[in-house]
Amino acid sequence: MANSPIRSGDPSPGRVDATVHRRRWVILSVLMLSLLIVVLDNSILNIAMKTIAMPAPAGLGATQSELEWAINAYTLVFAGLLFTSGLLGDRLGRKKVLLFGLAVFGAGSVLAAFAASPVQLIAFRALMGLGGAFVMPATLAVLMNVFEREEQPKAIGVWAGGVGLAIAVGPIAGGLLLDRFWWGSVFLINVPIVLVTLVAMAFLVPDSRDPAPGRLDPVGVALSVVGLVLLVYGIIKGGQLADFTDPEVIGTVLGGLAVLAVFVVHQKRSDHPSIDIGYFRNPAFSAAVAAIALVFFALMGVTFFIVFYVQSVRGYTPLESGLLILPLAAAQLIFAPRARHVVDRFGARAVCTAGMLTVAVTMAGLLLLDVSTPMWLMEVIFFLQGTGMAHIMPPVTVSIMQSLPREKAGSGSALNNTFRQVGGTLGVAVLGSVLSTTYRDSIKDALNSVPDLPGPVRHAAGESIEATLGVAARLGPAGRPLVTAAQDAFVHAMHLTALASSGIALVGAVVVAVFLPGRPATAAPVAAPRPDETARAPK
């Protein structure tokens, strides 16, 4: 039955139920739909940021800070609850958690679409983050419980390719919607996908849980939530203030780290821990989670500024921007499902190291982009960058998930996503801080040269290229030199940020090369045939 849990007590111990096994690829397709909306929503929002910043009725008149919080409110709740949601999935059933998360995400999408102010949008984005936190880990956990170990790398490759598909669909769908409808349509598009997924999941996806979850660990759960929320909030605040030495930032980050340290000590001493800290002694596990954090640190910082480069500096529409980002996603969609073949031949260490080096080189390649560079060059860079990413994410995800027992798949998936989310948040905050600080310093002289510009207006105009272009538009023809100065200042800031991203990717390459295991000395034994497969074998 579709609703029967997959337990270790099934007729074939350690094997997936035969009925579930036969429809595993259909189940993966349903899981991909749920994954699609979570990733698609964030990629759509990146395209819509400039529109939402416009005054009403075209947008909400959101400031740069409010735009960041529209992104970060989702991130804060999402990252803070990922670990807890994974534990609940292992205990209560991953299908139940998935259905709950999808329903909350859909409700948050409807509310966000009709938000009447930036504050409302931020609040409803936080609600969407709550739903997303229960969706993302559960998809991977269910996957690990419907595929046998020998097929898991292939399935995870398809799963990772689905992320590339969502990255591709998001900006294009967002551009099409913004060309024809109001900004809220970028959230409303989630609703039909959620409804279809809920129905398909109810009938097709099996439930699974840890057959022996042990006692609850409320202290550990509370510590993980408080620690992650404090840490992520401090990182976000540091990025907003462009000052990580601010007492509020330092206090919050150190407080989060202290709480997480207490969490680790508690897990070591507890006889019923939420997560076995001993997993981190396994190089395959610890190096893989570090690699995920570092690559998303580099990637998310770049994707945050590239939208403004394409739209504000180069003058492309949201739809054109989405099409221009397509090669990054297309490469992931093409190569992620095939990465396992390269890993089988060369080993995870060599493949992931090469992928990290490719990402580092392509990040540095963004230094070639300026106000008049032919756009085909950016397309080539994005395609190569997506190719590098496609050879990092599947192998490290397989390494993480196969380092843990199948019954702990929810916890493992949550850890995978937590490190990715914290790494991405750090990337947006730290690299965003580099971008904004460099831009403000570079545009300062040009703003000071504008006659009769009030001090508060001058200060606000230096916050972002959009703010500067807004002032230039009000100046009319006299503002043209300010437009040129803003574009040049942004490109300079973008180059410095891209260089920092390249450095982070290089650190990731070193971590992977040193700590990730290479090719196994001997091939893994061939799995015994399934009973249903034996029955069908020719005599």
Protein backbone atom coordinates (compact mmCIF):
# COMPACT_ATOMS: atom_id res chain seq x y z
CA MET A 1 0.00 0.00 0.00
CA ALA A 2 1.17 3.55 -0.70
CA ASN A 3 0.68 4.56 2.91
CA SER A 4 2.47 1.61 4.47
CA PRO A 5 5.67 2.61 6.23
CA ILE A 6 8.92 1.15 5.00
CA ARG A 7 10.39 -0.54 8.06
CA SER A 8 13.37 -2.72 8.74
CA GLY A 9 10.91 -5.47 9.71
CA ASP A 10 9.61 -5.87 6.14
CA PRO A 11 9.83 -9.35 4.57
CA SER A 12 13.20 -8.55 2.98
CA PRO A 13 15.28 -7.03 5.80
CA GLY A 14 17.32 -4.07 4.66
CA ARG A 15 15.60 -4.03 1.28
CA VAL A 16 12.87 -1.76 -0.08
CA ASP A 17 9.36 -3.21 -0.31
CA ALA A 18 8.85 -4.75 -3.76
CA THR A 19 5.72 -2.70 -4.55
CA VAL A 20 7.48 0.54 -3.65
CA HIS A 21 10.57 -0.51 -5.60
CA ARG A 22 8.56 -0.98 -8.80
CA ARG A 23 7.22 2.58 -8.74
CA ARG A 24 10.35 4.26 -7.38
CA TRP A 25 10.84 6.52 -10.43
CA VAL A 26 7.24 7.71 -10.31
CA ILE A 27 7.72 8.49 -6.61
CA LEU A 28 10.89 10.42 -7.46
CA SER A 29 8.93 12.46 -10.00
CA VAL A 30 6.44 13.48 -7.30
CA LEU A 31 9.29 14.36 -4.94
CA MET A 32 10.79 16.49 -7.70
CA LEU A 33 7.59 18.54 -7.88
CA SER A 34 7.78 19.36 -4.19
CA LEU A 35 11.46 20.21 -4.53
CA LEU A 36 10.69 22.32 -7.60
CA ILE A 37 8.47 24.82 -5.81
CA VAL A 38 10.91 25.42 -2.94
CA VAL A 39 13.87 26.13 -5.24
CA LEU A 40 11.78 27.80 -7.95
CA ASP A 41 10.32 30.29 -5.48
CA ASN A 42 13.71 31.66 -4.46
CA SER A 43 14.97 31.91 -8.04
CA ILE A 44 11.77 33.73 -9.07
CA LEU A 45 12.12 36.18 -6.19
CA ASN A 46 15.63 37.11 -7.32
CA ILE A 47 14.20 38.18 -10.70
CA ALA A 48 11.30 40.05 -9.06
CA MET A 49 13.40 42.07 -6.59
CA LYS A 50 13.76 45.08 -8.87
CA THR A 51 9.99 45.15 -9.58
CA ILE A 52 9.09 44.87 -5.88
CA ALA A 53 11.42 47.81 -5.20
CA MET A 54 9.37 50.03 -7.53
CA PRO A 55 6.78 52.40 -5.98
CA ALA A 56 3.14 51.25 -5.79
CA PRO A 57 1.17 50.18 -7.73
CA ALA A 58 3.90 48.58 -9.87
CA GLY A 59 5.68 47.28 -6.75
CA LEU A 60 5.71 47.73 -2.99
CA GLY A 61 8.33 50.47 -2.82
CA ALA A 62 10.59 48.14 -0.83
CA THR A 63 13.96 49.51 0.25
CA GLN A 64 17.20 47.58 -0.21
CA SER A 65 17.02 46.52 3.44
CA GLU A 66 13.41 45.35 3.07
CA LEU A 67 14.29 43.39 -0.06
CA GLU A 68 17.06 41.64 1.83
CA TRP A 69 14.66 40.78 4.65
CA ALA A 70 12.12 39.43 2.15
CA ILE A 71 14.82 36.92 1.24
CA ASN A 72 16.31 36.53 4.70
CA ALA A 73 13.05 36.06 6.63
CA TYR A 74 12.55 32.90 4.59
CA THR A 75 16.17 31.88 5.11
CA LEU A 76 16.11 32.53 8.87
CA VAL A 77 13.07 30.34 9.53
CA PHE A 78 14.09 27.74 6.95
CA ALA A 79 17.61 27.29 8.34
CA GLY A 80 16.48 27.39 11.97
CA LEU A 81 13.94 24.59 11.56
CA LEU A 82 15.68 22.28 9.06
CA PHE A 83 17.27 20.07 11.69
CA THR A 84 14.08 19.87 13.75
CA SER A 85 11.99 19.02 10.69
CA GLY A 86 14.37 16.21 9.77
CA LEU A 87 14.09 14.74 13.26
CA LEU A 88 10.28 14.98 13.17
CA GLY A 89 10.26 13.26 9.77
CA ASP A 90 12.32 10.37 11.12
CA ARG A 91 9.98 10.07 14.12
CA LEU A 92 6.49 10.90 12.81
CA GLY A 93 6.83 9.86 9.17
CA ARG A 94 8.42 11.71 6.27
CA LYS A 95 5.28 11.69 4.13
CA LYS A 96 3.28 13.39 6.89
CA VAL A 97 5.97 16.03 7.29
CA LEU A 98 6.06 16.59 3.52
CA LEU A 99 2.29 17.06 3.28
CA PHE A 100 2.31 19.50 6.20
CA GLY A 101 5.20 21.50 4.74
CA LEU A 102 3.58 21.73 1.30
CA ALA A 103 0.27 22.92 2.76
CA VAL A 104 1.98 25.65 4.83
CA PHE A 105 4.13 26.69 1.87
CA GLY A 106 1.07 26.98 -0.36
CA ALA A 107 -0.83 29.07 2.20
CA GLY A 108 2.18 31.36 2.66
CA SER A 109 2.45 31.79 -1.12
CA VAL A 110 -1.17 32.99 -1.40
CA LEU A 111 -0.69 35.48 1.44
CA ALA A 112 2.63 36.75 0.01
CA ALA A 113 1.03 37.30 -3.40
CA PHE A 114 -1.47 39.73 -1.91
CA ALA A 115 0.82 41.43 0.62
CA ALA A 116 -0.02 45.13 0.93
CA SER A 117 3.33 46.28 2.31
CA PRO A 118 6.96 45.17 2.54
CA VAL A 119 6.42 44.25 6.20
CA GLN A 120 3.57 41.90 5.29
CA LEU A 121 5.65 40.37 2.51
CA ILE A 122 8.48 39.70 4.96
CA ALA A 123 6.08 38.03 7.43
CA PHE A 124 4.50 35.81 4.79
CA ARG A 125 7.92 34.88 3.40
CA ALA A 126 8.79 33.68 6.92
CA LEU A 127 5.67 31.47 6.83
CA MET A 128 6.83 30.08 3.48
CA GLY A 129 10.20 29.36 5.09
CA LEU A 130 8.41 27.32 7.76
CA GLY A 131 6.76 25.21 5.08
CA GLY A 132 9.94 24.89 3.03
CA ALA A 133 11.89 23.66 6.07
CA PHE A 134 9.55 20.65 6.28
CA VAL A 135 9.69 19.94 2.53
CA MET A 136 13.36 20.07 1.59
CA PRO A 137 14.87 17.44 3.95
CA ALA A 138 11.91 15.08 3.58
CA THR A 139 12.27 14.79 -0.21
CA LEU A 140 15.81 13.46 0.06
CA ALA A 141 14.93 11.27 3.05
CA VAL A 142 12.06 9.61 1.17
CA LEU A 143 14.35 9.12 -1.84
CA MET A 144 16.85 7.24 0.32
CA ASN A 145 14.06 4.94 1.49
CA VAL A 146 12.58 4.03 -1.91
CA PHE A 147 15.86 3.35 -3.76
CA GLU A 148 18.33 0.60 -3.01
CA ARG A 149 21.85 1.66 -2.15
CA GLU A 150 23.26 0.78 -5.58
CA GLU A 151 20.70 3.05 -7.29
CA GLN A 152 20.91 5.93 -4.83
CA PRO A 153 23.72 7.80 -6.64
CA LYS A 154 21.67 7.78 -9.86
CA ALA A 155 18.54 8.95 -8.05
CA ILE A 156 20.42 11.69 -6.17
CA GLY A 157 21.91 12.82 -9.49
CA VAL A 158 18.40 13.18 -10.90
CA TRP A 159 17.33 14.95 -7.68
CA ALA A 160 20.24 17.39 -8.01
CA GLY A 161 19.42 17.87 -11.68
CA GLY A 162 15.93 18.85 -10.59
CA VAL A 163 17.47 21.72 -8.66
CA GLY A 164 19.02 22.84 -11.92
CA LEU A 165 15.63 22.56 -13.63
CA ALA A 166 14.04 24.74 -10.95
CA ILE A 167 16.84 27.29 -11.27
CA ALA A 168 16.17 27.38 -15.00
CA VAL A 169 12.38 27.52 -14.82
CA GLY A 170 12.25 30.09 -12.02
CA PRO A 171 13.79 33.14 -13.71
CA ILE A 172 12.03 32.45 -17.04
CA ALA A 173 8.65 31.92 -15.39
CA GLY A 174 9.25 34.99 -13.25
CA GLY A 175 10.12 37.09 -16.29
CA LEU A 176 7.04 35.93 -18.20
CA LEU A 177 4.77 36.64 -15.24
CA LEU A 178 6.26 40.08 -14.55
CA ASP A 179 5.89 41.01 -18.23
CA ARG A 180 2.14 40.29 -18.11
CA PHE A 181 0.92 40.42 -14.50
CA TRP A 182 1.58 42.16 -11.20
CA TRP A 183 4.51 41.26 -8.94
CA GLY A 184 2.38 39.00 -6.70
CA SER A 185 1.95 36.51 -9.52
CA VAL A 186 5.48 35.21 -8.87
CA PHE A 187 4.18 33.77 -5.58
CA LEU A 188 0.74 32.74 -6.79
CA ILE A 189 2.29 30.40 -9.37
CA ASN A 190 3.26 28.11 -6.48
CA VAL A 191 -0.36 27.32 -5.61
CA PRO A 192 -1.36 25.03 -8.54
CA ILE A 193 1.95 23.16 -8.23
CA VAL A 194 1.33 22.65 -4.50
CA LEU A 195 -2.21 21.36 -5.09
CA VAL A 196 -1.12 18.88 -7.78
CA THR A 197 1.78 17.69 -5.62
CA LEU A 198 -0.39 17.20 -2.53
CA VAL A 199 -2.82 14.97 -4.45
CA ALA A 200 -0.07 12.95 -6.18
CA MET A 201 1.86 12.53 -2.94
CA ALA A 202 -1.21 11.35 -1.00
CA PHE A 203 -1.74 8.48 -3.45
CA LEU A 204 1.76 7.55 -4.62
CA VAL A 205 4.44 8.33 -2.04
CA PRO A 206 4.98 5.76 0.75
CA ASP A 207 5.53 6.81 4.31
CA SER A 208 8.72 5.91 6.14
CA ARG A 209 10.18 6.58 9.55
CA ASP A 210 12.90 5.47 11.91
CA PRO A 211 11.60 2.14 13.33
CA ALA A 212 13.46 2.76 16.61
CA PRO A 213 13.68 6.55 17.11
CA GLY A 214 14.28 6.32 20.86
CA ARG A 215 13.13 8.93 23.34
CA LEU A 216 12.53 12.53 22.39
CA ASP A 217 15.32 15.03 22.98
CA PRO A 218 13.43 18.32 23.57
CA VAL A 219 16.49 20.03 25.05
CA GLY A 220 18.59 19.16 22.00
CA VAL A 221 15.86 20.28 19.61
CA ALA A 222 15.43 23.61 21.43
CA LEU A 223 19.19 24.21 21.51
CA SER A 224 19.53 23.50 17.77
CA VAL A 225 16.70 25.90 16.85
CA VAL A 226 17.91 28.73 19.11
CA GLY A 227 21.55 28.30 18.06
CA LEU A 228 20.84 28.23 14.33
CA VAL A 229 18.42 31.17 14.45
CA LEU A 230 20.88 33.32 16.45
CA LEU A 231 23.77 32.40 14.14
CA VAL A 232 21.86 33.05 10.91
CA TYR A 233 20.33 36.28 12.25
CA GLY A 234 23.77 37.59 13.24
CA ILE A 235 25.15 36.76 9.80
CA ILE A 236 22.23 38.48 8.08
CA LYS A 237 22.51 41.54 10.34
CA GLY A 238 26.22 41.83 9.63
CA GLY A 239 25.51 41.82 5.92
CA GLN A 240 22.83 44.49 6.27
CA LEU A 241 25.04 46.78 8.36
CA ALA A 242 28.07 45.99 6.17
CA ASP A 243 29.92 45.74 9.48
CA PHE A 244 30.64 42.42 11.14
CA THR A 245 32.39 44.17 14.04
CA ASP A 246 29.14 45.78 15.22
CA PRO A 247 28.43 44.73 18.86
CA GLU A 248 24.94 43.46 17.96
CA VAL A 249 26.38 41.31 15.18
CA ILE A 250 29.26 39.93 17.25
CA GLY A 251 27.01 39.29 20.24
CA THR A 252 24.37 37.45 18.21
CA VAL A 253 26.86 35.33 16.23
CA LEU A 254 28.87 34.41 19.33
CA GLY A 255 25.64 33.68 21.19
CA GLY A 256 24.53 31.35 18.38
CA LEU A 257 27.90 29.58 18.32
CA ALA A 258 27.82 29.22 22.11
CA VAL A 259 24.35 27.67 22.04
CA LEU A 260 25.41 25.29 19.25
CA ALA A 261 28.50 24.35 21.30
CA VAL A 262 26.21 23.51 24.23
CA PHE A 263 24.09 21.49 21.78
CA VAL A 264 27.15 19.45 20.73
CA VAL A 265 28.14 18.80 24.37
CA HIS A 266 24.57 17.82 25.18
CA GLN A 267 24.47 15.40 22.23
CA LYS A 268 27.73 13.78 23.34
CA ARG A 269 26.48 13.24 26.91
CA SER A 270 22.89 12.30 26.14
CA ASP A 271 21.84 8.65 26.06
CA HIS A 272 19.18 9.57 23.47
CA PRO A 273 20.82 12.25 21.26
CA SER A 274 19.04 13.89 18.33
CA ILE A 275 22.12 13.30 16.16
CA ASP A 276 25.16 11.13 16.73
CA ILE A 277 28.07 13.60 16.76
CA GLY A 278 30.33 10.66 15.95
CA TYR A 279 29.16 10.91 12.33
CA PHE A 280 31.43 13.94 11.95
CA ARG A 281 34.47 11.74 12.65
CA ASN A 282 33.84 10.13 9.26
CA PRO A 283 35.85 12.11 6.65
CA ALA A 284 33.33 11.22 3.94
CA PHE A 285 30.63 12.94 5.98
CA SER A 286 32.44 15.95 7.45
CA ALA A 287 34.32 16.88 4.25
CA ALA A 288 31.11 16.61 2.23
CA VAL A 289 29.09 18.94 4.48
CA ALA A 290 31.99 21.42 4.50
CA ALA A 291 32.13 21.30 0.70
CA ILE A 292 28.40 22.00 0.43
CA ALA A 293 28.67 24.98 2.78
CA LEU A 294 31.63 26.48 0.92
CA VAL A 295 30.28 26.05 -2.60
CA PHE A 296 26.94 27.62 -1.66
CA PHE A 297 28.77 30.42 0.13
CA ALA A 298 30.48 31.27 -3.15
CA LEU A 299 27.45 30.68 -5.39
CA MET A 300 24.72 32.52 -3.45
CA GLY A 301 26.82 35.67 -3.07
CA VAL A 302 27.29 35.80 -6.83
CA THR A 303 23.68 35.06 -7.81
CA PHE A 304 22.59 37.91 -5.53
CA PHE A 305 24.51 40.54 -7.50
CA ILE A 306 24.33 39.08 -11.02
CA VAL A 307 20.63 40.00 -11.33
CA PHE A 308 21.47 43.66 -10.73
CA TYR A 309 24.37 43.48 -13.20
CA VAL A 310 22.12 42.10 -15.94
CA GLN A 311 19.13 44.38 -15.26
CA SER A 312 20.58 47.59 -13.79
CA VAL A 313 23.92 47.77 -15.60
CA ARG A 314 23.08 46.06 -18.89
CA GLY A 315 19.41 47.09 -19.08
CA TYR A 316 17.78 43.72 -19.74
CA THR A 317 14.18 42.95 -18.76
CA PRO A 318 13.31 40.37 -16.06
CA LEU A 319 12.41 37.80 -18.74
CA GLU A 320 15.65 38.42 -20.63
CA SER A 321 17.53 38.14 -17.34
CA GLY A 322 15.97 34.74 -16.72
CA LEU A 323 16.97 33.53 -20.16
CA LEU A 324 20.52 34.79 -19.68
CA ILE A 325 20.88 32.72 -16.48
CA LEU A 326 19.62 29.60 -18.30
CA PRO A 327 23.08 28.13 -19.15
CA LEU A 328 23.95 27.86 -15.42
CA ALA A 329 20.84 25.79 -14.79
CA ALA A 330 20.97 23.87 -18.06
CA ALA A 331 24.46 22.57 -17.30
CA GLN A 332 23.31 21.28 -13.93
CA LEU A 333 20.26 19.66 -15.48
CA ILE A 334 22.40 17.96 -18.14
CA PHE A 335 25.39 16.83 -16.08
CA ALA A 336 24.12 16.22 -12.52
CA PRO A 337 22.26 12.98 -13.38
CA ARG A 338 25.40 11.74 -15.20
CA ALA A 339 27.95 12.71 -12.54
CA ARG A 340 27.88 9.23 -11.02
CA HIS A 341 29.55 7.79 -14.15
CA VAL A 342 32.51 10.15 -13.75
CA VAL A 343 32.68 9.36 -10.02
CA ASP A 344 32.70 5.62 -10.76
CA ARG A 345 35.70 6.12 -13.02
CA PHE A 346 37.77 8.72 -11.17
CA GLY A 347 36.46 8.72 -7.61
CA ALA A 348 34.52 11.34 -5.63
CA ARG A 349 37.64 13.20 -4.44
CA ALA A 350 39.03 13.85 -7.94
CA VAL A 351 35.63 14.74 -9.42
CA CYS A 352 34.61 17.11 -6.60
CA THR A 353 38.04 18.77 -6.53
CA ALA A 354 37.86 19.38 -10.28
CA GLY A 355 34.32 20.71 -9.86
CA MET A 356 35.42 23.11 -7.12
CA LEU A 357 38.35 24.33 -9.19
CA THR A 358 36.00 24.89 -12.15
CA VAL A 359 33.71 26.98 -9.94
CA ALA A 360 36.69 28.97 -8.65
CA VAL A 361 37.98 29.68 -12.17
CA THR A 362 34.56 30.71 -13.47
CA MET A 363 34.01 32.98 -10.46
CA ALA A 364 37.29 34.69 -11.35
CA GLY A 365 36.09 34.74 -14.96
CA LEU A 366 33.38 37.22 -13.95
CA LEU A 367 36.21 39.78 -13.80
CA LEU A 368 35.96 39.85 -17.60
CA LEU A 369 32.45 41.32 -17.46
CA ASP A 370 32.02 45.10 -17.67
CA VAL A 371 29.43 47.56 -18.99
CA SER A 372 29.95 46.55 -22.63
CA THR A 373 31.21 42.94 -22.59
CA PRO A 374 29.47 40.69 -25.17
CA MET A 375 26.88 38.69 -23.24
CA TRP A 376 27.88 35.41 -24.87
CA LEU A 377 30.97 35.46 -22.64
CA MET A 378 28.78 35.46 -19.52
CA GLU A 379 26.79 32.59 -21.03
CA VAL A 380 29.95 30.51 -21.47
CA ILE A 381 31.06 31.29 -17.92
CA PHE A 382 27.66 30.30 -16.52
CA PHE A 383 27.59 27.03 -18.45
CA LEU A 384 31.04 26.06 -17.20
CA GLN A 385 30.09 27.10 -13.66
CA GLY A 386 26.94 24.98 -13.80
CA THR A 387 29.03 22.05 -15.07
CA GLY A 388 31.34 22.39 -12.08
CA MET A 389 28.38 22.55 -9.70
CA ALA A 390 26.85 19.45 -11.30
CA HIS A 391 29.98 17.48 -10.43
CA ILE A 392 30.01 18.65 -6.80
CA MET A 393 26.47 18.39 -5.47
CA PRO A 394 25.53 14.77 -6.37
CA PRO A 395 28.78 13.15 -5.13
CA VAL A 396 28.90 15.05 -1.82
CA THR A 397 25.19 14.44 -1.22
CA VAL A 398 25.68 10.72 -1.85
CA SER A 399 28.67 10.80 0.50
CA ILE A 400 26.60 12.39 3.27
CA MET A 401 23.51 10.24 2.88
CA GLN A 402 25.34 6.93 2.52
CA SER A 403 27.46 7.68 5.59
CA LEU A 404 24.32 7.36 7.73
CA PRO A 405 21.94 4.46 8.37
CA ARG A 406 18.86 4.55 6.12
CA GLU A 407 16.55 5.02 9.13
CA LYS A 408 18.37 8.31 9.91
CA ALA A 409 17.80 9.67 6.40
CA GLY A 410 15.73 12.60 7.68
CA SER A 411 18.44 13.75 10.06
CA GLY A 412 21.12 13.30 7.38
CA SER A 413 19.14 15.24 4.80
CA ALA A 414 18.48 17.99 7.35
CA LEU A 415 22.19 18.30 8.11
CA ASN A 416 22.95 18.42 4.38
CA ASN A 417 20.43 21.22 3.87
CA THR A 418 21.37 23.08 7.06
CA PHE A 419 25.02 23.38 6.05
CA ARG A 420 23.98 24.41 2.55
CA GLN A 421 21.57 27.03 3.87
CA VAL A 422 23.99 28.47 6.44
CA GLY A 423 26.72 28.56 3.79
CA GLY A 424 24.41 30.33 1.34
CA THR A 425 23.28 32.80 4.00
CA LEU A 426 26.89 33.57 4.87
CA GLY A 427 27.59 34.08 1.17
CA VAL A 428 24.75 36.58 0.71
CA ALA A 429 25.61 38.40 3.95
CA VAL A 430 29.40 38.50 3.71
CA LEU A 431 29.75 38.91 -0.05
CA GLY A 432 26.74 41.24 -0.10
CA SER A 433 28.53 43.31 2.50
CA VAL A 434 31.66 43.41 0.34
CA LEU A 435 29.54 44.45 -2.64
CA SER A 436 27.62 47.24 -0.86
CA THR A 437 30.64 48.64 0.97
CA THR A 438 32.75 48.72 -2.18
CA TYR A 439 29.91 50.27 -4.18
CA ARG A 440 29.28 52.99 -1.60
CA ASP A 441 32.99 53.90 -1.53
CA SER A 442 33.19 53.93 -5.33
CA ILE A 443 30.09 56.07 -5.94
CA LYS A 444 30.76 58.56 -3.12
CA ASP A 445 32.69 61.10 -5.20
CA ALA A 446 30.13 61.06 -8.00
CA LEU A 447 27.29 61.69 -5.54
CA ASN A 448 29.23 64.46 -3.82
CA SER A 449 29.65 66.22 -7.15
CA VAL A 450 25.87 66.46 -7.71
CA PRO A 451 24.87 70.03 -6.79
CA ASP A 452 22.03 70.76 -4.33
CA LEU A 453 21.60 67.11 -3.35
CA PRO A 454 20.43 66.92 0.30
CA GLY A 455 22.61 64.90 2.67
CA PRO A 456 19.98 62.23 3.52
CA VAL A 457 19.18 61.75 -0.19
CA ARG A 458 22.90 61.47 -0.99
CA HIS A 459 23.32 58.85 1.75
CA ALA A 460 20.31 56.80 0.57
CA ALA A 461 21.47 57.02 -3.07
CA GLY A 462 24.75 55.35 -2.13
CA GLU A 463 23.08 52.24 -0.67
CA SER A 464 22.64 50.44 -4.00
CA ILE A 465 22.84 50.93 -7.75
CA GLU A 466 19.03 51.00 -7.93
CA ALA A 467 18.92 53.85 -5.42
CA THR A 468 21.56 55.78 -7.37
CA LEU A 469 19.75 55.25 -10.68
CA GLY A 470 16.55 56.48 -9.05
CA VAL A 471 18.22 59.78 -8.15
CA ALA A 472 19.75 60.02 -11.63
CA ALA A 473 16.31 59.54 -13.23
CA ARG A 474 14.89 62.42 -11.19
CA LEU A 475 17.74 64.66 -12.37
CA GLY A 476 16.77 64.13 -16.02
CA PRO A 477 19.49 64.69 -18.66
CA ALA A 478 21.78 66.10 -15.98
CA GLY A 479 21.78 62.69 -14.30
CA ARG A 480 23.41 60.84 -17.19
CA PRO A 481 26.97 61.17 -15.79
CA LEU A 482 25.67 59.72 -12.50
CA VAL A 483 24.25 56.71 -14.38
CA THR A 484 27.64 56.04 -15.96
CA ALA A 485 29.38 56.45 -12.61
CA ALA A 486 26.89 54.07 -10.94
CA GLN A 487 27.41 51.40 -13.57
CA ASP A 488 31.19 51.65 -13.33
CA ALA A 489 31.06 51.59 -9.52
CA PHE A 490 28.83 48.51 -9.50
CA VAL A 491 31.05 46.63 -11.95
CA HIS A 492 34.08 47.40 -9.77
CA ALA A 493 32.24 46.17 -6.66
CA MET A 494 31.07 43.08 -8.56
CA HIS A 495 34.63 42.24 -9.58
CA LEU A 496 35.88 42.42 -6.00
CA THR A 497 32.99 40.25 -4.81
CA ALA A 498 33.59 37.69 -7.56
CA LEU A 499 37.25 37.50 -6.58
CA ALA A 500 36.26 36.79 -2.98
CA SER A 501 33.86 34.09 -4.21
CA SER A 502 36.65 32.51 -6.22
CA GLY A 503 38.84 32.40 -3.12
CA ILE A 504 36.11 30.64 -1.13
CA ALA A 505 35.70 28.05 -3.88
CA LEU A 506 39.46 27.44 -3.81
CA VAL A 507 39.26 26.77 -0.07
CA GLY A 508 36.50 24.27 -0.85
CA ALA A 509 38.75 22.57 -3.42
CA VAL A 510 41.49 22.17 -0.80
CA VAL A 511 39.06 20.74 1.77
CA VAL A 512 37.71 18.21 -0.72
CA ALA A 513 41.15 17.25 -2.05
CA VAL A 514 42.54 16.64 1.45
CA PHE A 515 39.63 15.09 3.32
CA LEU A 516 37.12 13.54 0.92
CA PRO A 517 37.82 9.82 0.36
CA GLY A 518 39.06 8.79 -3.07
CA ARG A 519 38.14 5.73 -5.07
CA PRO A 520 37.52 2.60 -2.99
CA ALA A 521 40.29 0.03 -3.24
CA THR A 522 37.88 -2.66 -4.37
CA ALA A 523 34.55 -2.55 -6.09
CA ALA A 524 31.47 -2.82 -3.91
CA PRO A 525 29.91 -6.30 -3.93
CA VAL A 526 27.03 -6.76 -6.30
CA ALA A 527 23.72 -6.66 -4.43
CA ALA A 528 21.67 -9.80 -4.30
CA PRO A 529 18.80 -9.81 -6.78
CA ARG A 530 15.41 -8.77 -5.47
CA PRO A 531 12.85 -11.59 -5.07
CA ASP A 532 10.55 -9.99 -7.66
CA GLU A 533 13.45 -9.63 -10.11
CA THR A 534 14.45 -13.30 -9.61
CA ALA A 535 10.93 -14.39 -10.41
CA ARG A 536 11.03 -12.47 -13.69
CA ALA A 537 14.48 -13.69 -14.73
CA PRO A 538 14.60 -15.93 -17.84
CA LYS A 539 15.05 -19.61 -17.16
